[in-house]
Amino acid sequence: MTKINNIVFETFIKLFKTNKEKVLSMFNQLKIILASESTETKAMLDIYRRYVSGEKLDQKTIDQANDQFTDLIKSVGFLGVFALPGGMVAIPILIKIGKKLGIDILPKNFKDD
């Protein structure tokens, strides 16, 4: 198992060195996305807190909070996959599989549109 881990680690380091600028750019983009998610998640929690306290909220506000909750779950899933060995390779594959199955697995902040 250790030999396999070393091979995976060495492959990751080699890929990082050959694509250093691209990887650093991706990490900076991820940082921006996570900061945005944090702000949106705080707003979501505030909406849910107001709802639970009995405040009357319009359907648009509740839908906004529910959409953010869905996005949060998707983001957590991506971060979990990203943390696994080979996760950077697995994510594009999962996105393609999701598209073929008609499942939107990308959080909105990860989309280019």
C-alpha atoms as a PDB file:
ATOM      1  CA  MET A   1       0.000   0.000   0.000  1.00  0.00           C
ATOM      2  CA  THR A   2       2.844   2.402   0.832  1.00  0.00           C
ATOM      3  CA  LYS A   3       4.436   1.814  -2.575  1.00  0.00           C
ATOM      4  CA  ILE A   4       1.143   2.678  -4.283  1.00  0.00           C
ATOM      5  CA  ASN A   5       0.830   5.825  -2.137  1.00  0.00           C
ATOM      6  CA  ASN A   6       4.367   6.861  -3.122  1.00  0.00           C
ATOM      7  CA  ILE A   7       3.595   6.350  -6.802  1.00  0.00           C
ATOM      8  CA  VAL A   8       0.395   8.398  -6.520  1.00  0.00           C
ATOM      9  CA  PHE A   9       2.210  11.137  -4.602  1.00  0.00           C
ATOM     10  CA  GLU A  10       5.114  11.237  -7.079  1.00  0.00           C
ATOM     11  CA  THR A  11       2.672  11.390 -10.003  1.00  0.00           C
ATOM     12  CA  PHE A  12       0.787  14.229  -8.316  1.00  0.00           C
ATOM     13  CA  ILE A  13       4.029  16.160  -7.713  1.00  0.00           C
ATOM     14  CA  LYS A  14       5.126  15.642 -11.319  1.00  0.00           C
ATOM     15  CA  LEU A  15       1.753  16.876 -12.608  1.00  0.00           C
ATOM     16  CA  PHE A  16       1.898  19.840 -10.254  1.00  0.00           C
ATOM     17  CA  LYS A  17       5.382  20.839 -11.403  1.00  0.00           C
ATOM     18  CA  THR A  18       4.494  20.628 -15.096  1.00  0.00           C
ATOM     19  CA  ASN A  19       1.207  22.514 -14.635  1.00  0.00           C
ATOM     20  CA  LYS A  20       2.178  24.780 -11.732  1.00  0.00           C
ATOM     21  CA  GLU A  21       0.650  27.997 -13.101  1.00  0.00           C
ATOM     22  CA  LYS A  22      -2.602  26.270 -14.033  1.00  0.00           C
ATOM     23  CA  VAL A  23      -2.870  24.569 -10.630  1.00  0.00           C
ATOM     24  CA  LEU A  24      -2.154  27.809  -8.762  1.00  0.00           C
ATOM     25  CA  SER A  25      -4.771  29.583 -10.873  1.00  0.00           C
ATOM     26  CA  MET A  26      -7.290  26.846 -10.065  1.00  0.00           C
ATOM     27  CA  PHE A  27      -6.542  27.157  -6.337  1.00  0.00           C
ATOM     28  CA  ASN A  28      -7.015  30.933  -6.492  1.00  0.00           C
ATOM     29  CA  GLN A  29     -10.322  30.458  -8.293  1.00  0.00           C
ATOM     30  CA  LEU A  30     -11.361  27.884  -5.681  1.00  0.00           C
ATOM     31  CA  LYS A  31     -10.504  30.373  -2.926  1.00  0.00           C
ATOM     32  CA  ILE A  32     -12.747  33.013  -4.532  1.00  0.00           C
ATOM     33  CA  ILE A  33     -15.564  30.505  -5.000  1.00  0.00           C
ATOM     34  CA  LEU A  34     -15.380  29.319  -1.390  1.00  0.00           C
ATOM     35  CA  ALA A  35     -15.418  32.915  -0.120  1.00  0.00           C
ATOM     36  CA  SER A  36     -18.555  33.549  -2.160  1.00  0.00           C
ATOM     37  CA  GLU A  37     -20.125  30.328  -0.884  1.00  0.00           C
ATOM     38  CA  SER A  38     -19.411  31.439   2.677  1.00  0.00           C
ATOM     39  CA  THR A  39     -21.290  34.722   2.175  1.00  0.00           C
ATOM     40  CA  GLU A  40     -24.210  32.983   0.479  1.00  0.00           C
ATOM     41  CA  THR A  41     -24.328  30.298   3.188  1.00  0.00           C
ATOM     42  CA  LYS A  42     -24.539  32.962   5.904  1.00  0.00           C
ATOM     43  CA  ALA A  43     -27.493  34.501   4.063  1.00  0.00           C
ATOM     44  CA  MET A  44     -29.104  31.048   3.766  1.00  0.00           C
ATOM     45  CA  LEU A  45     -28.728  30.407   7.493  1.00  0.00           C
ATOM     46  CA  ASP A  46     -30.233  33.807   8.264  1.00  0.00           C
ATOM     47  CA  ILE A  47     -33.263  33.009   6.079  1.00  0.00           C
ATOM     48  CA  TYR A  48     -33.723  29.631   7.782  1.00  0.00           C
ATOM     49  CA  ARG A  49     -33.356  31.262  11.227  1.00  0.00           C
ATOM     50  CA  ARG A  50     -36.027  33.824  10.350  1.00  0.00           C
ATOM     51  CA  TYR A  51     -38.325  31.078   9.021  1.00  0.00           C
ATOM     52  CA  VAL A  52     -37.942  28.932  12.149  1.00  0.00           C
ATOM     53  CA  SER A  53     -38.613  31.949  14.383  1.00  0.00           C
ATOM     54  CA  GLY A  54     -42.009  32.300  12.709  1.00  0.00           C
ATOM     55  CA  GLU A  55     -41.327  35.218  10.380  1.00  0.00           C
ATOM     56  CA  LYS A  56     -43.465  35.184   7.236  1.00  0.00           C
ATOM     57  CA  LEU A  57     -41.209  34.838   4.206  1.00  0.00           C
ATOM     58  CA  ASP A  58     -42.153  34.910   0.544  1.00  0.00           C
ATOM     59  CA  GLN A  59     -41.616  31.802  -1.571  1.00  0.00           C
ATOM     60  CA  LYS A  60     -38.806  33.465  -3.561  1.00  0.00           C
ATOM     61  CA  THR A  61     -36.751  33.961  -0.370  1.00  0.00           C
ATOM     62  CA  ILE A  62     -37.330  30.375   0.755  1.00  0.00           C
ATOM     63  CA  ASP A  63     -36.405  29.083  -2.716  1.00  0.00           C
ATOM     64  CA  GLN A  64     -33.226  31.170  -2.598  1.00  0.00           C
ATOM     65  CA  ALA A  65     -32.223  29.544   0.706  1.00  0.00           C
ATOM     66  CA  ASN A  66     -33.094  26.063  -0.582  1.00  0.00           C
ATOM     67  CA  ASP A  67     -31.049  26.630  -3.758  1.00  0.00           C
ATOM     68  CA  GLN A  68     -28.069  27.687  -1.663  1.00  0.00           C
ATOM     69  CA  PHE A  69     -28.482  24.610   0.540  1.00  0.00           C
ATOM     70  CA  THR A  70     -28.427  22.400  -2.573  1.00  0.00           C
ATOM     71  CA  ASP A  71     -25.323  24.223  -3.779  1.00  0.00           C
ATOM     72  CA  LEU A  72     -23.677  23.753  -0.395  1.00  0.00           C
ATOM     73  CA  ILE A  73     -24.268  19.995  -0.503  1.00  0.00           C
ATOM     74  CA  LYS A  74     -22.801  19.846  -4.018  1.00  0.00           C
ATOM     75  CA  SER A  75     -19.738  21.841  -2.898  1.00  0.00           C
ATOM     76  CA  VAL A  76     -19.124  19.557   0.064  1.00  0.00           C
ATOM     77  CA  GLY A  77     -19.264  16.577  -2.281  1.00  0.00           C
ATOM     78  CA  PHE A  78     -16.733  18.179  -4.614  1.00  0.00           C
ATOM     79  CA  LEU A  79     -14.375  19.020  -1.786  1.00  0.00           C
ATOM     80  CA  GLY A  80     -14.600  15.432  -0.553  1.00  0.00           C
ATOM     81  CA  VAL A  81     -13.734  14.061  -3.995  1.00  0.00           C
ATOM     82  CA  PHE A  82     -10.991  16.682  -4.433  1.00  0.00           C
ATOM     83  CA  ALA A  83      -9.352  15.548  -1.174  1.00  0.00           C
ATOM     84  CA  LEU A  84      -9.078  11.939  -2.357  1.00  0.00           C
ATOM     85  CA  PRO A  85      -5.996  10.734  -4.215  1.00  0.00           C
ATOM     86  CA  GLY A  86      -6.729  11.275  -7.898  1.00  0.00           C
ATOM     87  CA  GLY A  87      -9.607  13.591  -7.056  1.00  0.00           C
ATOM     88  CA  MET A  88      -8.464  16.228  -9.529  1.00  0.00           C
ATOM     89  CA  VAL A  89      -8.789  13.608 -12.255  1.00  0.00           C
ATOM     90  CA  ALA A  90     -12.051  12.163 -10.924  1.00  0.00           C
ATOM     91  CA  ILE A  91     -13.985  15.447 -10.864  1.00  0.00           C
ATOM     92  CA  PRO A  92     -14.076  15.988 -14.670  1.00  0.00           C
ATOM     93  CA  ILE A  93     -15.076  12.349 -15.103  1.00  0.00           C
ATOM     94  CA  LEU A  94     -17.913  12.730 -12.583  1.00  0.00           C
ATOM     95  CA  ILE A  95     -19.093  15.895 -14.340  1.00  0.00           C
ATOM     96  CA  LYS A  96     -19.242  14.069 -17.701  1.00  0.00           C
ATOM     97  CA  ILE A  97     -21.105  11.125 -16.173  1.00  0.00           C
ATOM     98  CA  GLY A  98     -23.540  13.522 -14.491  1.00  0.00           C
ATOM     99  CA  LYS A  99     -24.229  15.297 -17.796  1.00  0.00           C
ATOM    100  CA  LYS A 100     -24.866  11.979 -19.564  1.00  0.00           C
ATOM    101  CA  LEU A 101     -27.315  10.995 -16.833  1.00  0.00           C
ATOM    102  CA  GLY A 102     -28.981  14.412 -16.851  1.00  0.00           C
ATOM    103  CA  ILE A 103     -27.818  15.206 -13.319  1.00  0.00           C
ATOM    104  CA  ASP A 104     -26.458  18.650 -12.492  1.00  0.00           C
ATOM    105  CA  ILE A 105     -23.656  18.001 -10.022  1.00  0.00           C
ATOM    106  CA  LEU A 106     -21.851  21.330 -10.357  1.00  0.00           C
ATOM    107  CA  PRO A 107     -22.469  24.055  -7.780  1.00  0.00           C
ATOM    108  CA  LYS A 108     -23.485  27.304  -9.507  1.00  0.00           C
ATOM    109  CA  ASN A 109     -20.253  29.089  -8.557  1.00  0.00           C
ATOM    110  CA  PHE A 110     -18.231  26.439 -10.393  1.00  0.00           C
ATOM    111  CA  LYS A 111     -20.062  27.049 -13.673  1.00  0.00           C
ATOM    112  CA  ASP A 112     -18.685  29.370 -16.324  1.00  0.00           C
ATOM    113  CA  ASP A 113     -22.032  30.882 -17.357  1.00  0.00           C
END
